[in-house]
PDB file of N, CA and C in Angstrom:
ATOM      1  N   UNK A   1      -9.792  17.013  -3.155  1.00  0.00           N
ATOM      2  CA  UNK A   1      -9.514  16.459  -4.456  1.00  0.00           C
ATOM      3  C   UNK A   1      -8.010  16.311  -4.707  1.00  0.00           C
ATOM      4  N   UNK A   2      -7.266  17.367  -4.400  1.00  0.00           N
ATOM      5  CA  UNK A   2      -5.804  17.354  -4.588  1.00  0.00           C
ATOM      6  C   UNK A   2      -5.154  16.310  -3.692  1.00  0.00           C
ATOM      7  N   UNK A   3      -5.655  16.192  -2.457  1.00  0.00           N
ATOM      8  CA  UNK A   3      -5.096  15.228  -1.515  1.00  0.00           C
ATOM      9  C   UNK A   3      -5.301  13.795  -2.015  1.00  0.00           C
ATOM     10  N   UNK A   4      -6.448  13.521  -2.580  1.00  0.00           N
ATOM     11  CA  UNK A   4      -6.739  12.180  -3.104  1.00  0.00           C
ATOM     12  C   UNK A   4      -5.833  11.852  -4.262  1.00  0.00           C
ATOM     13  N   UNK A   5      -5.583  12.838  -5.154  1.00  0.00           N
ATOM     14  CA  UNK A   5      -4.713  12.573  -6.299  1.00  0.00           C
ATOM     15  C   UNK A   5      -3.281  12.311  -5.819  1.00  0.00           C
ATOM     16  N   UNK A   6      -2.845  13.073  -4.827  1.00  0.00           N
ATOM     17  CA  UNK A   6      -1.492  12.906  -4.295  1.00  0.00           C
ATOM     18  C   UNK A   6      -1.343  11.509  -3.650  1.00  0.00           C
ATOM     19  N   UNK A   7      -2.391  11.086  -2.908  1.00  0.00           N
ATOM     20  CA  UNK A   7      -2.339   9.792  -2.287  1.00  0.00           C
ATOM     21  C   UNK A   7      -2.341   8.701  -3.337  1.00  0.00           C
ATOM     22  N   UNK A   8      -3.115   8.817  -4.375  1.00  0.00           N
ATOM     23  CA  UNK A   8      -3.135   7.849  -5.458  1.00  0.00           C
ATOM     24  C   UNK A   8      -1.817   7.773  -6.186  1.00  0.00           C
ATOM     25  N   UNK A   9      -1.210   8.956  -6.450  1.00  0.00           N
ATOM     26  CA  UNK A   9       0.087   8.963  -7.110  1.00  0.00           C
ATOM     27  C   UNK A   9       1.179   8.315  -6.227  1.00  0.00           C
ATOM     28  N   UNK A  10       1.117   8.577  -4.925  1.00  0.00           N
ATOM     29  CA  UNK A  10       2.085   7.948  -4.033  1.00  0.00           C
ATOM     30  C   UNK A  10       1.912   6.453  -3.968  1.00  0.00           C
ATOM     31  N   UNK A  11       0.661   5.970  -3.965  1.00  0.00           N
ATOM     32  CA  UNK A  11       0.400   4.517  -3.984  1.00  0.00           C
ATOM     33  C   UNK A  11       0.903   3.891  -5.265  1.00  0.00           C
ATOM     34  N   UNK A  12       0.709   4.575  -6.358  1.00  0.00           N
ATOM     35  CA  UNK A  12       1.235   4.056  -7.662  1.00  0.00           C
ATOM     36  C   UNK A  12       2.725   4.014  -7.692  1.00  0.00           C
ATOM     37  N   UNK A  13       3.369   5.014  -7.130  1.00  0.00           N
ATOM     38  CA  UNK A  13       4.850   5.023  -7.109  1.00  0.00           C
ATOM     39  C   UNK A  13       5.359   3.887  -6.218  1.00  0.00           C
ATOM     40  N   UNK A  14       4.743   3.648  -5.078  1.00  0.00           N
ATOM     41  CA  UNK A  14       5.157   2.570  -4.173  1.00  0.00           C
ATOM     42  C   UNK A  14       4.933   1.214  -4.879  1.00  0.00           C
ATOM     43  N   UNK A  15       3.816   1.069  -5.596  1.00  0.00           N
ATOM     44  CA  UNK A  15       3.541  -0.139  -6.342  1.00  0.00           C
ATOM     45  C   UNK A  15       4.642  -0.419  -7.348  1.00  0.00           C
ATOM     46  N   UNK A  16       4.975   0.578  -8.134  1.00  0.00           N
ATOM     47  CA  UNK A  16       6.004   0.413  -9.189  1.00  0.00           C
ATOM     48  C   UNK A  16       7.378   0.084  -8.562  1.00  0.00           C
ATOM     49  N   UNK A  17       7.742   0.793  -7.529  1.00  0.00           N
ATOM     50  CA  UNK A  17       9.022   0.535  -6.899  1.00  0.00           C
ATOM     51  C   UNK A  17       9.120  -0.914  -6.331  1.00  0.00           C
ATOM     52  N   UNK A  18       8.100  -1.374  -5.648  1.00  0.00           N
ATOM     53  CA  UNK A  18       8.118  -2.691  -5.086  1.00  0.00           C
ATOM     54  C   UNK A  18       8.096  -3.760  -6.179  1.00  0.00           C
ATOM     55  N   UNK A  19       7.339  -3.525  -7.270  1.00  0.00           N
ATOM     56  CA  UNK A  19       7.307  -4.456  -8.396  1.00  0.00           C
ATOM     57  C   UNK A  19       8.658  -4.563  -9.047  1.00  0.00           C
ATOM     58  N   UNK A  20       9.342  -3.434  -9.262  1.00  0.00           N
ATOM     59  CA  UNK A  20      10.665  -3.470  -9.919  1.00  0.00           C
ATOM     60  C   UNK A  20      11.700  -4.170  -9.000  1.00  0.00           C
ATOM     61  N   UNK A  21      11.639  -3.881  -7.708  1.00  0.00           N
ATOM     62  CA  UNK A  21      12.532  -4.519  -6.797  1.00  0.00           C
ATOM     63  C   UNK A  21      12.342  -6.043  -6.794  1.00  0.00           C
ATOM     64  N   UNK A  22      11.073  -6.457  -6.760  1.00  0.00           N
ATOM     65  CA  UNK A  22      10.826  -7.915  -6.764  1.00  0.00           C
ATOM     66  C   UNK A  22      11.192  -8.576  -8.078  1.00  0.00           C
ATOM     67  N   UNK A  23      11.026  -7.840  -9.211  1.00  0.00           N
ATOM     68  CA  UNK A  23      11.496  -8.419 -10.459  1.00  0.00           C
ATOM     69  C   UNK A  23      12.998  -8.648 -10.486  1.00  0.00           C
ATOM     70  N   UNK A  24      13.705  -7.763  -9.827  1.00  0.00           N
ATOM     71  CA  UNK A  24      15.177  -7.879  -9.791  1.00  0.00           C
ATOM     72  C   UNK A  24      15.604  -9.004  -8.828  1.00  0.00           C
ATOM     73  N   UNK A  25      14.818  -9.208  -7.740  1.00  0.00           N
ATOM     74  CA  UNK A  25      15.201 -10.179  -6.725  1.00  0.00           C
ATOM     75  C   UNK A  25      14.828 -11.595  -7.103  1.00  0.00           C
ATOM     76  N   UNK A  26      13.711 -11.778  -7.810  1.00  0.00           N
ATOM     77  CA  UNK A  26      13.277 -13.131  -8.136  1.00  0.00           C
ATOM     78  C   UNK A  26      14.239 -13.802  -9.108  1.00  0.00           C
ATOM     79  N   UNK A  27      14.360 -15.129  -9.014  1.00  0.00           N
ATOM     80  CA  UNK A  27      15.267 -15.823  -9.919  1.00  0.00           C
ATOM     81  C   UNK A  27      14.817 -15.673 -11.403  1.00  0.00           C
ATOM     82  N   UNK A  28      15.766 -15.782 -12.263  1.00  0.00           N
ATOM     83  CA  UNK A  28      15.611 -15.377 -13.656  1.00  0.00           C
ATOM     84  C   UNK A  28      14.492 -16.037 -14.463  1.00  0.00           C
ATOM     85  N   UNK A  29      14.355 -17.344 -14.511  1.00  0.00           N
ATOM     86  CA  UNK A  29      13.256 -17.882 -15.348  1.00  0.00           C
ATOM     87  C   UNK A  29      11.902 -17.699 -14.626  1.00  0.00           C
ATOM     88  N   UNK A  30      11.237 -16.546 -14.928  1.00  0.00           N
ATOM     89  CA  UNK A  30       9.999 -16.260 -14.247  1.00  0.00           C
ATOM     90  C   UNK A  30       8.837 -16.972 -14.924  1.00  0.00           C
ATOM     91  N   UNK A  31       7.952 -17.524 -14.127  1.00  0.00           N
ATOM     92  CA  UNK A  31       6.734 -18.158 -14.629  1.00  0.00           C
ATOM     93  C   UNK A  31       5.579 -17.184 -14.445  1.00  0.00           C
ATOM     94  N   UNK A  32       4.400 -17.575 -14.927  1.00  0.00           N
ATOM     95  CA  UNK A  32       3.214 -16.732 -14.780  1.00  0.00           C
ATOM     96  C   UNK A  32       2.884 -16.545 -13.297  1.00  0.00           C
ATOM     97  N   UNK A  33       3.044 -17.585 -12.521  1.00  0.00           N
ATOM     98  CA  UNK A  33       2.707 -17.483 -11.082  1.00  0.00           C
ATOM     99  C   UNK A  33       3.652 -16.520 -10.395  1.00  0.00           C
ATOM    100  N   UNK A  34       4.887 -16.399 -10.821  1.00  0.00           N
ATOM    101  CA  UNK A  34       5.828 -15.459 -10.222  1.00  0.00           C
ATOM    102  C   UNK A  34       5.348 -14.029 -10.456  1.00  0.00           C
ATOM    103  N   UNK A  35       4.856 -13.721 -11.641  1.00  0.00           N
ATOM    104  CA  UNK A  35       4.363 -12.392 -11.920  1.00  0.00           C
ATOM    105  C   UNK A  35       3.125 -12.093 -11.055  1.00  0.00           C
ATOM    106  N   UNK A  36       2.296 -13.122 -10.816  1.00  0.00           N
ATOM    107  CA  UNK A  36       1.124 -12.953  -9.945  1.00  0.00           C
ATOM    108  C   UNK A  36       1.538 -12.680  -8.515  1.00  0.00           C
ATOM    109  N   UNK A  37       2.546 -13.344  -8.035  1.00  0.00           N
ATOM    110  CA  UNK A  37       3.037 -13.117  -6.677  1.00  0.00           C
ATOM    111  C   UNK A  37       3.640 -11.697  -6.561  1.00  0.00           C
ATOM    112  N   UNK A  38       4.359 -11.277  -7.577  1.00  0.00           N
ATOM    113  CA  UNK A  38       4.976  -9.910  -7.539  1.00  0.00           C
ATOM    114  C   UNK A  38       3.861  -8.895  -7.500  1.00  0.00           C
ATOM    115  N   UNK A  39       2.856  -9.026  -8.316  1.00  0.00           N
ATOM    116  CA  UNK A  39       1.785  -8.072  -8.317  1.00  0.00           C
ATOM    117  C   UNK A  39       0.963  -8.080  -7.030  1.00  0.00           C
ATOM    118  N   UNK A  40       0.799  -9.235  -6.454  1.00  0.00           N
ATOM    119  CA  UNK A  40       0.033  -9.340  -5.172  1.00  0.00           C
ATOM    120  C   UNK A  40       0.799  -8.678  -4.030  1.00  0.00           C
ATOM    121  N   UNK A  41       2.108  -8.952  -3.961  1.00  0.00           N
ATOM    122  CA  UNK A  41       2.906  -8.346  -2.897  1.00  0.00           C
ATOM    123  C   UNK A  41       2.984  -6.795  -3.044  1.00  0.00           C
ATOM    124  N   UNK A  42       3.149  -6.356  -4.287  1.00  0.00           N
ATOM    125  CA  UNK A  42       3.193  -4.917  -4.552  1.00  0.00           C
ATOM    126  C   UNK A  42       1.864  -4.262  -4.182  1.00  0.00           C
ATOM    127  N   UNK A  43       0.753  -4.924  -4.488  1.00  0.00           N
ATOM    128  CA  UNK A  43      -0.573  -4.414  -4.136  1.00  0.00           C
ATOM    129  C   UNK A  43      -0.725  -4.344  -2.637  1.00  0.00           C
ATOM    130  N   UNK A  44      -0.332  -5.395  -1.957  1.00  0.00           N
ATOM    131  CA  UNK A  44      -0.433  -5.450  -0.496  1.00  0.00           C
ATOM    132  C   UNK A  44       0.358  -4.315   0.150  1.00  0.00           C
ATOM    133  N   UNK A  45       1.571  -4.095  -0.292  1.00  0.00           N
ATOM    134  CA  UNK A  45       2.412  -3.070   0.294  1.00  0.00           C
ATOM    135  C   UNK A  45       1.862  -1.681   0.026  1.00  0.00           C
ATOM    136  N   UNK A  46       1.406  -1.447  -1.248  1.00  0.00           N
ATOM    137  CA  UNK A  46       0.905  -0.121  -1.566  1.00  0.00           C
ATOM    138  C   UNK A  46      -0.409   0.172  -0.827  1.00  0.00           C
ATOM    139  N   UNK A  47      -1.289  -0.801  -0.651  1.00  0.00           N
ATOM    140  CA  UNK A  47      -2.487  -0.601   0.120  1.00  0.00           C
ATOM    141  C   UNK A  47      -2.166  -0.348   1.615  1.00  0.00           C
ATOM    142  N   UNK A  48      -1.140  -1.045   2.125  1.00  0.00           N
ATOM    143  CA  UNK A  48      -0.700  -0.801   3.487  1.00  0.00           C
ATOM    144  C   UNK A  48      -0.198   0.602   3.666  1.00  0.00           C
ATOM    145  N   UNK A  49       0.556   1.084   2.699  1.00  0.00           N
ATOM    146  CA  UNK A  49       1.045   2.470   2.769  1.00  0.00           C
ATOM    147  C   UNK A  49      -0.105   3.462   2.757  1.00  0.00           C
ATOM    148  N   UNK A  50      -1.073   3.245   1.864  1.00  0.00           N
ATOM    149  CA  UNK A  50      -2.270   4.107   1.839  1.00  0.00           C
ATOM    150  C   UNK A  50      -2.976   4.091   3.160  1.00  0.00           C
ATOM    151  N   UNK A  51      -3.166   2.929   3.762  1.00  0.00           N
ATOM    152  CA  UNK A  51      -3.848   2.814   5.037  1.00  0.00           C
ATOM    153  C   UNK A  51      -3.075   3.567   6.122  1.00  0.00           C
ATOM    154  N   UNK A  52      -1.772   3.359   6.202  1.00  0.00           N
ATOM    155  CA  UNK A  52      -0.982   4.081   7.202  1.00  0.00           C
ATOM    156  C   UNK A  52      -1.005   5.582   7.019  1.00  0.00           C
ATOM    157  N   UNK A  53      -0.950   6.041   5.794  1.00  0.00           N
ATOM    158  CA  UNK A  53      -0.990   7.494   5.561  1.00  0.00           C
ATOM    159  C   UNK A  53      -2.351   8.067   5.940  1.00  0.00           C
ATOM    160  N   UNK A  54      -3.423   7.387   5.595  1.00  0.00           N
ATOM    161  CA  UNK A  54      -4.733   7.849   5.986  1.00  0.00           C
ATOM    162  C   UNK A  54      -4.943   7.860   7.475  1.00  0.00           C
ATOM    163  N   UNK A  55      -4.477   6.814   8.143  1.00  0.00           N
ATOM    164  CA  UNK A  55      -4.660   6.767   9.614  1.00  0.00           C
ATOM    165  C   UNK A  55      -3.795   7.820  10.293  1.00  0.00           C
ATOM    166  N   UNK A  56      -2.593   8.009   9.808  1.00  0.00           N
ATOM    167  CA  UNK A  56      -1.706   8.959  10.494  1.00  0.00           C
ATOM    168  C   UNK A  56      -2.064  10.432  10.213  1.00  0.00           C
ATOM    169  N   UNK A  57      -2.688  10.714   9.103  1.00  0.00           N
ATOM    170  CA  UNK A  57      -2.997  12.107   8.764  1.00  0.00           C
ATOM    171  C   UNK A  57      -4.425  12.495   9.069  1.00  0.00           C
ATOM    172  N   UNK A  58      -5.379  11.624   8.794  1.00  0.00           N
ATOM    173  CA  UNK A  58      -6.787  11.960   8.940  1.00  0.00           C
ATOM    174  C   UNK A  58      -7.272  11.867  10.377  1.00  0.00           C
ATOM    175  N   UNK A  59      -6.961  10.796  11.016  1.00  0.00           N
ATOM    176  CA  UNK A  59      -7.475  10.518  12.340  1.00  0.00           C
ATOM    177  C   UNK A  59      -6.422  10.811  13.400  1.00  0.00           C
ATOM    178  N   UNK A  60      -6.650  11.846  14.153  1.00  0.00           N
ATOM    179  CA  UNK A  60      -5.633  12.303  15.147  1.00  0.00           C
ATOM    180  C   UNK A  60      -5.921  11.796  16.558  1.00  0.00           C
ATOM    181  N   UNK A  61      -7.031  11.125  16.779  1.00  0.00           N
ATOM    182  CA  UNK A  61      -7.375  10.680  18.119  1.00  0.00           C
ATOM    183  C   UNK A  61      -6.461   9.512  18.542  1.00  0.00           C
ATOM    184  N   UNK A  62      -6.445   9.245  19.811  1.00  0.00           N
ATOM    185  CA  UNK A  62      -5.546   8.170  20.314  1.00  0.00           C
ATOM    186  C   UNK A  62      -6.155   6.789  20.053  1.00  0.00           C
ATOM    187  N   UNK A  63      -7.480   6.653  20.084  1.00  0.00           N
ATOM    188  CA  UNK A  63      -8.135   5.395  19.804  1.00  0.00           C
ATOM    189  C   UNK A  63      -8.762   5.447  18.405  1.00  0.00           C
ATOM    190  N   UNK A  64      -8.016   5.004  17.440  1.00  0.00           N
ATOM    191  CA  UNK A  64      -8.502   5.086  16.062  1.00  0.00           C
ATOM    192  C   UNK A  64      -9.534   4.062  15.794  1.00  0.00           C
ATOM    193  N   UNK A  65      -9.343   2.828  16.298  1.00  0.00           N
ATOM    194  CA  UNK A  65     -10.200   1.735  15.895  1.00  0.00           C
ATOM    195  C   UNK A  65     -11.340   1.461  16.919  1.00  0.00           C
ATOM    196  N   UNK A  66     -11.339   2.136  18.036  1.00  0.00           N
ATOM    197  CA  UNK A  66     -12.350   1.916  19.026  1.00  0.00           C
ATOM    198  C   UNK A  66     -13.015   3.224  19.391  1.00  0.00           C
ATOM    199  N   UNK A  67     -14.316   3.217  19.426  1.00  0.00           N
ATOM    200  CA  UNK A  67     -15.094   4.389  19.844  1.00  0.00           C
ATOM    201  C   UNK A  67     -15.800   4.061  21.148  1.00  0.00           C
ATOM    202  N   UNK A  68     -15.801   5.020  22.058  1.00  0.00           N
ATOM    203  CA  UNK A  68     -16.502   4.806  23.329  1.00  0.00           C
ATOM    204  C   UNK A  68     -17.978   5.087  23.129  1.00  0.00           C
ATOM    205  N   UNK A  69     -18.766   4.293  23.768  1.00  0.00           N
ATOM    206  CA  UNK A  69     -20.227   4.478  23.702  1.00  0.00           C
ATOM    207  C   UNK A  69     -20.683   5.473  24.720  1.00  0.00           C
ATOM    208  N   UNK A  70     -21.763   6.121  24.410  1.00  0.00           N
ATOM    209  CA  UNK A  70     -22.368   7.017  25.362  1.00  0.00           C
ATOM    210  C   UNK A  70     -23.141   6.225  26.371  1.00  0.00           C
ATOM    211  N   UNK A  71     -23.218   6.704  27.597  1.00  0.00           N
ATOM    212  CA  UNK A  71     -23.970   6.007  28.624  1.00  0.00           C
ATOM    213  C   UNK A  71     -25.407   6.360  28.575  1.00  0.00           C
TER     214      UNK A  71
END
């Protein structure tokens, strides 16, 4: 339970940081589509971070995505 909350909080922090950075980088007259792009990119990056953290901590085997079949 605690691990899930920590992971969620980390994903939220990454989302906020990426969104703020993109708001500063984008040119000043922002349209509605610009906000949608900022939110989409921030979501993509935060989900990528969650995926990488889960893969690196939970699954310690060398072949994460492939399982060998029994004969």
